[in-house]
Protein backbone atom coordinates (compact mmCIF):
# COMPACT_ATOMS: atom_id res chain seq x y z
CA MET A 1 -12.14 -39.06 220.75
CA ASP A 2 -8.39 -40.00 221.05
CA GLU A 3 -6.68 -39.71 217.62
CA GLU A 4 -4.15 -42.42 216.79
CA VAL A 5 -0.59 -41.14 216.94
CA VAL A 6 1.39 -41.37 213.71
CA SER A 7 5.31 -41.69 214.37
CA LEU A 8 7.67 -41.78 211.19
CA GLU A 9 11.35 -41.44 210.82
CA GLY A 10 13.18 -40.17 207.66
CA PRO A 11 16.00 -38.09 206.27
CA ALA A 12 16.03 -34.32 205.90
CA LEU A 13 16.67 -33.48 202.32
CA LYS A 14 18.18 -30.46 200.55
CA ILE A 15 15.94 -29.46 197.61
CA ASN A 16 16.47 -26.29 195.82
CA GLY A 17 18.66 -24.91 198.58
CA GLU A 18 15.85 -25.75 201.21
CA LEU A 19 15.91 -28.24 203.98
CA VAL A 20 12.74 -30.43 203.54
CA LEU A 21 11.05 -33.41 204.54
CA MET A 22 9.20 -35.39 201.86
CA ILE A 23 6.79 -37.91 203.75
CA PRO A 24 5.18 -40.31 201.50
CA LEU A 25 1.33 -39.85 201.93
CA GLU A 26 0.84 -43.70 201.59
CA SER A 27 3.33 -44.39 204.38
CA GLY A 28 1.71 -42.20 206.88
CA GLY A 29 2.00 -38.78 205.59
CA SER A 30 -1.75 -38.44 204.80
CA ASP A 31 -2.31 -38.87 208.64
CA LEU A 32 -0.07 -35.86 209.15
CA VAL A 33 -1.85 -33.49 206.65
CA ASP A 34 -4.24 -31.93 209.34
CA CYS A 35 -1.66 -31.34 211.91
CA SER A 36 0.81 -29.84 209.53
CA ARG A 37 -1.64 -27.23 207.75
CA GLY A 38 0.13 -23.89 207.22
CA ILE A 39 3.74 -25.57 206.96
CA SER A 40 3.26 -27.99 204.39
CA THR A 41 2.20 -28.82 200.85
CA ILE A 42 1.42 -31.85 198.87
CA GLU A 43 3.65 -32.52 196.05
CA ASP A 44 2.70 -35.60 193.92
CA GLU A 45 2.45 -38.54 196.39
CA PHE A 46 4.32 -36.53 199.05
CA LEU A 47 3.59 -34.21 202.06
CA LYS A 48 6.52 -31.73 201.75
CA ILE A 49 7.63 -29.62 204.94
CA VAL A 50 10.38 -27.02 204.33
CA ILE A 51 12.13 -26.51 207.65
CA PRO A 52 13.33 -22.90 208.05
CA GLU A 53 17.17 -22.37 208.89
CA ALA A 54 16.43 -21.01 212.36
CA ILE A 55 14.49 -24.05 213.38
CA ALA A 56 16.97 -26.47 211.82
CA GLY A 57 19.62 -24.77 213.81
CA MET A 58 17.56 -25.12 216.97
CA LEU A 59 16.76 -28.73 216.12
CA ARG A 60 20.63 -29.20 215.29
CA ILE A 61 19.72 -30.98 212.05
CA GLU A 62 21.36 -30.66 208.49
CA GLU A 63 20.97 -32.20 205.21
CA GLY A 64 21.09 -36.13 205.52
CA ASP A 65 20.05 -36.37 209.23
CA LEU A 66 17.38 -38.51 210.39
CA VAL A 67 14.45 -36.94 211.96
CA TRP A 68 11.51 -38.26 213.82
CA ILE A 69 8.16 -36.74 213.28
CA HIS A 70 4.73 -37.59 215.08
CA ASN A 71 1.48 -36.08 215.67
CA THR A 72 1.20 -36.45 219.60
CA GLY A 73 -1.25 -33.95 221.04
CA GLY A 74 -2.80 -33.36 217.56
CA LYS A 75 0.21 -31.26 216.67
CA PHE A 76 3.02 -31.63 214.20
CA ASN A 77 6.12 -32.55 216.11
CA ILE A 78 9.79 -32.93 214.77
CA GLN A 79 13.00 -33.79 216.37
CA ALA A 80 16.39 -35.11 215.35
CA ALA A 81 16.70 -38.80 215.88
CA LYS A 82 20.45 -38.32 216.64
CA PRO A 83 20.93 -34.66 217.47
CA ARG A 84 24.21 -33.24 216.46
CA PRO A 85 26.59 -31.85 219.45
CA VAL A 86 26.46 -28.23 220.36
CA HIS A 87 29.61 -26.54 219.16
């Protein structure tokens, strides 16, 4: 059975020194829980995903950047909406 693809866009935030995504459960985050097991936690009404520094560097994202997340192929996918230039 094909699963419906959920696609969301939002900012990367800096919380307690960590780069995180805070995805509202009622706005699509609940549909991403299964594909993000092991990399996410649920805090209040949000799905929280911490982006390790190495991955943020590879994706070229920093605090405040918009990221696009989706569950294509049943996996959690993240990419920069507007990647920063390589220096």
